[in-house]
């Protein structure tokens, strides 16, 4: 009976970890949100899930099997690397060219709602035209 309880607890623990991992992937915009069926990126929310997993790993230290410990370490490593990539994308999404400027930096409201930022096209620089002589 005690062995069955351990197996059930092991399964529940992995399920809990997987729930946070999957939520983090959705927040990073790497997996479609099952509710909206869209890729939504919310780095604040992703940070929250990554922090939850970090806390779980710290609090459970010494109480996990080797496999569980490695599973959390691997999951966190993958999430953190992808988080850094997404952060870099966020800072590189401002594109400047001669005629078109596109600013995809999310506003505070867009971050809160968790929607992808809308593309805002900026008007090209006005050039002075010489008046035609008659």
N, C-alpha and C. Protein backbone atom coordinates (compact mmCIF):
# COMPACT_ATOMS: atom_id res chain seq x y z
N UNK A 1 0.82 -1.20 0.00
CA UNK A 1 0.00 0.00 0.00
C UNK A 1 0.87 1.26 0.00
N UNK A 2 1.92 1.26 0.81
CA UNK A 2 2.80 2.43 0.88
C UNK A 2 3.52 2.66 -0.45
N UNK A 3 3.88 1.57 -1.13
CA UNK A 3 4.56 1.68 -2.42
C UNK A 3 3.62 2.27 -3.48
N UNK A 4 2.34 1.88 -3.44
CA UNK A 4 1.35 2.43 -4.37
C UNK A 4 1.17 3.92 -4.13
N UNK A 5 1.18 4.32 -2.85
CA UNK A 5 1.04 5.73 -2.50
C UNK A 5 2.22 6.53 -3.05
N UNK A 6 3.43 5.97 -2.95
CA UNK A 6 4.61 6.64 -3.48
C UNK A 6 4.49 6.82 -4.99
N UNK A 7 4.07 5.79 -5.68
CA UNK A 7 3.92 5.89 -7.13
C UNK A 7 2.91 6.97 -7.50
N UNK A 8 1.81 7.01 -6.77
CA UNK A 8 0.79 8.01 -7.04
C UNK A 8 1.34 9.41 -6.77
N UNK A 9 2.07 9.58 -5.67
CA UNK A 9 2.66 10.88 -5.35
C UNK A 9 3.70 11.29 -6.40
N UNK A 10 4.48 10.32 -6.88
CA UNK A 10 5.45 10.60 -7.94
C UNK A 10 4.74 11.10 -9.20
N UNK A 11 3.67 10.42 -9.55
CA UNK A 11 2.91 10.82 -10.75
C UNK A 11 2.30 12.21 -10.57
N UNK A 12 1.74 12.45 -9.39
CA UNK A 12 1.14 13.76 -9.13
C UNK A 12 2.19 14.87 -9.15
N UNK A 13 3.36 14.59 -8.62
CA UNK A 13 4.44 15.57 -8.61
C UNK A 13 4.85 15.92 -10.05
N UNK A 14 5.06 14.91 -10.87
CA UNK A 14 5.45 15.14 -12.27
C UNK A 14 4.34 15.89 -13.01
N UNK A 15 3.10 15.55 -12.71
CA UNK A 15 1.98 16.25 -13.33
C UNK A 15 2.00 17.74 -12.94
N UNK A 16 2.25 18.02 -11.68
CA UNK A 16 2.33 19.41 -11.21
C UNK A 16 3.45 20.16 -11.94
N UNK A 17 4.61 19.55 -12.01
CA UNK A 17 5.75 20.17 -12.70
C UNK A 17 5.39 20.40 -14.17
N UNK A 18 4.81 19.39 -14.81
CA UNK A 18 4.44 19.53 -16.22
C UNK A 18 3.40 20.63 -16.45
N UNK A 19 2.51 20.82 -15.51
CA UNK A 19 1.51 21.89 -15.61
C UNK A 19 2.21 23.24 -15.66
N UNK A 20 3.17 23.47 -14.77
CA UNK A 20 3.91 24.73 -14.76
C UNK A 20 4.78 24.89 -16.00
N UNK A 21 5.40 23.79 -16.41
CA UNK A 21 6.27 23.83 -17.60
C UNK A 21 5.43 24.18 -18.83
N UNK A 22 4.31 23.53 -19.01
CA UNK A 22 3.44 23.79 -20.16
C UNK A 22 2.93 25.23 -20.14
N UNK A 23 2.55 25.71 -18.97
CA UNK A 23 2.07 27.10 -18.86
C UNK A 23 3.18 28.07 -19.22
N UNK A 24 4.40 27.77 -18.84
CA UNK A 24 5.54 28.62 -19.17
C UNK A 24 5.76 28.65 -20.68
N UNK A 25 5.69 27.48 -21.34
CA UNK A 25 5.87 27.43 -22.80
C UNK A 25 4.79 28.25 -23.50
N UNK A 26 3.56 28.17 -23.01
CA UNK A 26 2.47 28.96 -23.59
C UNK A 26 2.74 30.44 -23.41
N UNK A 27 3.20 30.83 -22.22
CA UNK A 27 3.49 32.23 -21.93
C UNK A 27 4.66 32.76 -22.75
N UNK A 28 5.58 31.89 -23.09
CA UNK A 28 6.72 32.29 -23.93
C UNK A 28 6.32 32.41 -25.41
N UNK A 29 5.12 31.96 -25.74
CA UNK A 29 4.67 32.03 -27.12
C UNK A 29 5.23 30.91 -27.98
N UNK A 30 5.68 29.84 -27.34
CA UNK A 30 6.26 28.70 -28.07
C UNK A 30 5.22 27.62 -28.35
N UNK A 31 4.12 27.65 -27.60
CA UNK A 31 3.03 26.67 -27.74
C UNK A 31 1.73 27.47 -27.81
N UNK A 32 0.81 27.01 -28.67
CA UNK A 32 -0.48 27.70 -28.78
C UNK A 32 -1.25 27.62 -27.47
N UNK A 33 -1.90 28.72 -27.14
CA UNK A 33 -2.78 28.75 -25.99
C UNK A 33 -4.01 27.90 -26.33
N UNK A 34 -4.32 26.87 -25.55
CA UNK A 34 -5.45 26.00 -25.89
C UNK A 34 -6.81 26.70 -25.84
N UNK A 35 -6.90 27.79 -25.13
CA UNK A 35 -8.17 28.52 -25.03
C UNK A 35 -8.39 29.39 -26.26
N UNK A 36 -7.34 30.14 -26.66
CA UNK A 36 -7.48 31.07 -27.79
C UNK A 36 -7.02 30.46 -29.11
N UNK A 37 -6.31 29.35 -29.06
CA UNK A 37 -5.74 28.69 -30.23
C UNK A 37 -4.79 29.62 -30.98
N UNK A 38 -4.13 30.50 -30.22
CA UNK A 38 -3.16 31.44 -30.79
C UNK A 38 -1.88 31.38 -29.99
N UNK A 39 -0.81 31.86 -30.61
CA UNK A 39 0.45 32.00 -29.89
C UNK A 39 0.43 33.34 -29.17
N UNK A 40 0.38 33.31 -27.87
CA UNK A 40 0.38 34.53 -27.06
C UNK A 40 1.68 34.59 -26.30
N UNK A 41 2.29 35.76 -26.25
CA UNK A 41 3.55 35.91 -25.53
C UNK A 41 3.36 36.88 -24.38
N UNK A 42 3.66 36.42 -23.18
CA UNK A 42 3.57 37.24 -21.98
C UNK A 42 4.76 36.88 -21.10
N UNK A 43 5.83 37.65 -21.21
CA UNK A 43 7.07 37.31 -20.52
C UNK A 43 6.95 37.44 -19.01
N UNK A 44 6.10 38.34 -18.54
CA UNK A 44 5.89 38.45 -17.09
C UNK A 44 5.27 37.17 -16.54
N UNK A 45 4.32 36.65 -17.26
CA UNK A 45 3.67 35.41 -16.84
C UNK A 45 4.65 34.23 -16.93
N UNK A 46 5.47 34.22 -17.98
CA UNK A 46 6.49 33.17 -18.13
C UNK A 46 7.46 33.21 -16.95
N UNK A 47 7.85 34.41 -16.55
CA UNK A 47 8.75 34.57 -15.39
C UNK A 47 8.12 33.98 -14.15
N UNK A 48 6.83 34.20 -13.98
CA UNK A 48 6.12 33.67 -12.82
C UNK A 48 6.21 32.15 -12.76
N UNK A 49 5.95 31.48 -13.89
CA UNK A 49 5.99 30.02 -13.91
C UNK A 49 7.42 29.48 -13.72
N UNK A 50 8.38 30.16 -14.30
CA UNK A 50 9.78 29.75 -14.12
C UNK A 50 10.18 29.92 -12.66
N UNK A 51 9.76 31.01 -12.05
CA UNK A 51 10.05 31.22 -10.62
C UNK A 51 9.38 30.16 -9.75
N UNK A 52 8.16 29.77 -10.11
CA UNK A 52 7.47 28.71 -9.36
C UNK A 52 8.26 27.40 -9.41
N UNK A 53 8.75 27.06 -10.59
CA UNK A 53 9.53 25.83 -10.74
C UNK A 53 10.86 25.92 -9.99
N UNK A 54 11.48 27.09 -10.02
CA UNK A 54 12.72 27.31 -9.26
C UNK A 54 12.48 27.11 -7.76
N UNK A 55 11.37 27.67 -7.28
CA UNK A 55 11.02 27.54 -5.87
C UNK A 55 10.75 26.09 -5.51
N UNK A 56 10.03 25.38 -6.38
CA UNK A 56 9.75 23.96 -6.13
C UNK A 56 11.04 23.17 -6.03
N UNK A 57 11.95 23.43 -6.94
CA UNK A 57 13.22 22.72 -6.93
C UNK A 57 13.99 22.99 -5.63
N UNK A 58 14.01 24.24 -5.21
CA UNK A 58 14.72 24.61 -3.99
C UNK A 58 14.09 23.99 -2.75
N UNK A 59 12.77 24.09 -2.64
CA UNK A 59 12.07 23.58 -1.46
C UNK A 59 12.08 22.05 -1.37
N UNK A 60 12.13 21.40 -2.53
CA UNK A 60 12.07 19.94 -2.55
C UNK A 60 13.45 19.29 -2.54
N UNK A 61 14.49 20.11 -2.48
CA UNK A 61 15.86 19.58 -2.52
C UNK A 61 16.04 18.53 -1.42
N UNK A 62 16.56 17.39 -1.78
CA UNK A 62 16.77 16.31 -0.83
C UNK A 62 15.58 15.37 -0.70
N UNK A 63 14.44 15.77 -1.24
CA UNK A 63 13.23 14.94 -1.17
C UNK A 63 12.83 14.36 -2.52
N UNK A 64 13.64 14.61 -3.54
CA UNK A 64 13.31 14.14 -4.88
C UNK A 64 14.22 12.99 -5.27
N UNK A 65 13.70 12.12 -6.11
CA UNK A 65 14.55 11.07 -6.67
C UNK A 65 15.51 11.73 -7.65
N UNK A 66 16.54 11.02 -8.04
CA UNK A 66 17.52 11.54 -8.99
C UNK A 66 16.83 11.93 -10.30
N UNK A 67 15.92 11.06 -10.75
CA UNK A 67 15.21 11.32 -12.00
C UNK A 67 14.37 12.58 -11.91
N UNK A 68 13.63 12.77 -10.80
CA UNK A 68 12.79 13.96 -10.62
C UNK A 68 13.65 15.23 -10.57
N UNK A 69 14.76 15.15 -9.85
CA UNK A 69 15.68 16.29 -9.75
C UNK A 69 16.20 16.68 -11.14
N UNK A 70 16.63 15.69 -11.90
CA UNK A 70 17.15 15.95 -13.25
C UNK A 70 16.06 16.47 -14.18
N UNK A 71 14.85 15.97 -14.01
CA UNK A 71 13.72 16.41 -14.83
C UNK A 71 13.45 17.90 -14.62
N UNK A 72 13.44 18.32 -13.36
CA UNK A 72 13.20 19.74 -13.07
C UNK A 72 14.36 20.59 -13.57
N UNK A 73 15.59 20.14 -13.35
CA UNK A 73 16.76 20.89 -13.80
C UNK A 73 16.72 21.07 -15.32
N UNK A 74 16.46 19.99 -16.03
CA UNK A 74 16.40 20.06 -17.49
C UNK A 74 15.28 20.99 -17.95
N UNK A 75 14.10 20.85 -17.36
CA UNK A 75 12.96 21.69 -17.74
C UNK A 75 13.26 23.16 -17.51
N UNK A 76 13.83 23.47 -16.35
CA UNK A 76 14.17 24.86 -16.04
C UNK A 76 15.22 25.41 -16.99
N UNK A 77 16.22 24.61 -17.31
CA UNK A 77 17.27 25.06 -18.22
C UNK A 77 16.69 25.42 -19.59
N UNK A 78 15.84 24.55 -20.11
CA UNK A 78 15.22 24.81 -21.41
C UNK A 78 14.36 26.06 -21.37
N UNK A 79 13.58 26.21 -20.31
CA UNK A 79 12.70 27.38 -20.19
C UNK A 79 13.52 28.66 -20.07
N UNK A 80 14.56 28.63 -19.26
CA UNK A 80 15.37 29.85 -19.06
C UNK A 80 16.09 30.26 -20.34
N UNK A 81 16.62 29.29 -21.08
CA UNK A 81 17.28 29.62 -22.36
C UNK A 81 16.29 30.23 -23.35
N UNK A 82 15.10 29.65 -23.42
CA UNK A 82 14.08 30.19 -24.32
C UNK A 82 13.57 31.55 -23.85
N UNK A 83 13.50 31.74 -22.54
CA UNK A 83 13.09 33.04 -22.00
C UNK A 83 14.09 34.12 -22.42
N UNK A 84 15.38 33.81 -22.33
CA UNK A 84 16.41 34.78 -22.73
C UNK A 84 16.27 35.10 -24.22
N UNK A 85 16.03 34.08 -25.04
CA UNK A 85 15.83 34.31 -26.47
C UNK A 85 14.64 35.22 -26.72
N UNK A 86 13.55 34.98 -26.02
CA UNK A 86 12.35 35.80 -26.20
C UNK A 86 12.58 37.23 -25.71
N UNK A 87 13.35 37.39 -24.65
CA UNK A 87 13.68 38.73 -24.16
C UNK A 87 14.49 39.47 -25.21
N UNK A 88 15.44 38.79 -25.82
CA UNK A 88 16.26 39.41 -26.87
C UNK A 88 15.39 39.79 -28.05
N UNK A 89 14.46 38.93 -28.42
CA UNK A 89 13.55 39.25 -29.53
C UNK A 89 12.76 40.51 -29.22
N UNK A 90 12.33 40.63 -27.98
CA UNK A 90 11.56 41.80 -27.57
C UNK A 90 12.33 43.08 -27.74
N UNK A 91 13.62 43.05 -27.42
CA UNK A 91 14.43 44.26 -27.53
C UNK A 91 14.90 44.51 -28.95
N UNK A 92 14.85 43.48 -29.80
CA UNK A 92 15.28 43.62 -31.19
C UNK A 92 14.10 43.82 -32.14
N UNK A 93 12.89 43.90 -31.63
CA UNK A 93 11.74 43.97 -32.52
C UNK A 93 11.50 45.36 -33.09
N UNK A 94 12.28 46.33 -32.70
CA UNK A 94 12.16 47.64 -33.30
C UNK A 94 13.03 47.64 -34.54
N UNK A 95 12.39 47.76 -35.69
CA UNK A 95 13.09 47.68 -36.96
C UNK A 95 13.14 49.04 -37.59
N UNK A 96 14.34 49.49 -37.98
CA UNK A 96 14.51 50.76 -38.66
C UNK A 96 15.01 50.52 -40.06
N UNK A 97 14.34 51.10 -41.02
CA UNK A 97 14.84 51.12 -42.38
C UNK A 97 14.67 52.55 -42.89
N UNK A 98 15.08 52.82 -44.11
CA UNK A 98 15.02 54.19 -44.62
C UNK A 98 13.62 54.74 -44.66
N UNK A 99 12.65 53.97 -45.14
CA UNK A 99 11.29 54.48 -45.33
C UNK A 99 10.29 53.97 -44.32
N UNK A 100 10.47 52.77 -43.82
CA UNK A 100 9.49 52.17 -42.91
C UNK A 100 10.09 51.99 -41.54
N UNK A 101 9.31 52.31 -40.53
CA UNK A 101 9.70 52.04 -39.15
C UNK A 101 8.58 51.27 -38.51
N UNK A 102 8.89 50.12 -37.95
CA UNK A 102 7.89 49.28 -37.29
C UNK A 102 8.29 49.14 -35.84
N UNK A 103 7.38 49.47 -34.94
CA UNK A 103 7.64 49.36 -33.51
C UNK A 103 6.73 48.28 -32.94
N UNK A 104 7.31 47.12 -32.56
CA UNK A 104 6.51 46.03 -32.02
C UNK A 104 6.71 45.87 -30.52
N UNK A 105 7.24 46.87 -29.86
CA UNK A 105 7.45 46.80 -28.42
C UNK A 105 6.08 46.80 -27.74
N UNK A 106 5.80 45.80 -26.90
CA UNK A 106 4.48 45.74 -26.27
C UNK A 106 4.28 46.86 -25.25
N UNK A 107 3.07 47.39 -25.24
CA UNK A 107 2.75 48.40 -24.24
C UNK A 107 2.45 47.71 -22.91
N UNK A 108 2.35 48.50 -21.86
CA UNK A 108 2.08 47.92 -20.53
C UNK A 108 0.74 47.18 -20.53
N UNK A 109 -0.25 47.75 -21.18
CA UNK A 109 -1.57 47.12 -21.22
C UNK A 109 -1.52 45.80 -21.99
N UNK A 110 -0.75 45.76 -23.08
CA UNK A 110 -0.64 44.53 -23.86
C UNK A 110 0.05 43.44 -23.06
N UNK A 111 1.04 43.80 -22.25
CA UNK A 111 1.71 42.82 -21.40
C UNK A 111 0.73 42.26 -20.38
N UNK A 112 -0.08 43.13 -19.81
CA UNK A 112 -1.02 42.71 -18.79
C UNK A 112 -2.06 41.74 -19.35
N UNK A 113 -2.58 42.04 -20.51
CA UNK A 113 -3.60 41.20 -21.12
C UNK A 113 -3.00 39.92 -21.67
N UNK A 114 -1.74 39.97 -22.09
CA UNK A 114 -1.08 38.78 -22.59
C UNK A 114 -1.27 38.59 -24.09
N UNK A 115 -1.62 39.67 -24.79
CA UNK A 115 -1.81 39.58 -26.23
C UNK A 115 -0.53 39.98 -26.93
N UNK A 116 -0.40 39.54 -28.17
CA UNK A 116 0.74 39.95 -28.98
C UNK A 116 0.61 41.44 -29.29
N UNK A 117 1.71 42.14 -29.30
CA UNK A 117 1.64 43.56 -29.62
C UNK A 117 1.23 43.78 -31.08
N UNK A 118 0.48 44.85 -31.30
CA UNK A 118 0.08 45.18 -32.66
C UNK A 118 1.23 45.90 -33.34
N UNK A 119 1.34 45.70 -34.62
CA UNK A 119 2.40 46.35 -35.38
C UNK A 119 1.96 47.76 -35.69
N UNK A 120 2.77 48.72 -35.29
CA UNK A 120 2.47 50.12 -35.54
C UNK A 120 3.44 50.62 -36.59
N UNK A 121 2.92 51.05 -37.72
CA UNK A 121 3.78 51.60 -38.75
C UNK A 121 3.91 53.10 -38.53
N UNK A 122 5.14 53.53 -38.50
CA UNK A 122 5.39 54.95 -38.35
C UNK A 122 5.52 55.56 -39.73
N UNK A 123 5.10 56.81 -39.84
CA UNK A 123 5.16 57.51 -41.11
C UNK A 123 6.62 57.78 -41.45
N UNK A 124 6.96 57.70 -42.74
CA UNK A 124 8.33 58.02 -43.13
C UNK A 124 8.61 59.49 -42.87
N UNK A 125 9.88 59.82 -42.74
CA UNK A 125 10.27 61.20 -42.48
C UNK A 125 9.82 62.08 -43.64
N UNK A 126 9.27 63.22 -43.29
CA UNK A 126 8.80 64.16 -44.30
C UNK A 126 10.01 64.83 -44.95
N UNK A 127 9.95 64.93 -46.24
CA UNK A 127 11.02 65.62 -46.96
C UNK A 127 10.47 66.90 -47.50
N UNK A 128 11.31 67.92 -47.49
CA UNK A 128 10.87 69.23 -47.99
C UNK A 128 10.88 69.20 -49.51
N UNK A 129 9.77 69.58 -50.08
CA UNK A 129 9.68 69.64 -51.53
C UNK A 129 9.83 71.09 -51.97
N UNK A 130 10.56 71.28 -53.01
CA UNK A 130 10.75 72.63 -53.54
C UNK A 130 9.51 73.01 -54.33
N UNK A 131 9.10 74.26 -54.12
CA UNK A 131 7.93 74.75 -54.86
C UNK A 131 8.29 74.93 -56.30
N UNK A 132 7.36 74.53 -57.17
CA UNK A 132 7.60 74.67 -58.60
C UNK A 132 7.42 76.12 -59.03
N UNK A 133 8.30 76.58 -59.87
CA UNK A 133 8.20 77.95 -60.40
C UNK A 133 7.33 77.93 -61.63
N UNK A 134 6.46 78.95 -61.76
CA UNK A 134 5.57 79.03 -62.92
C UNK A 134 6.13 79.91 -63.98
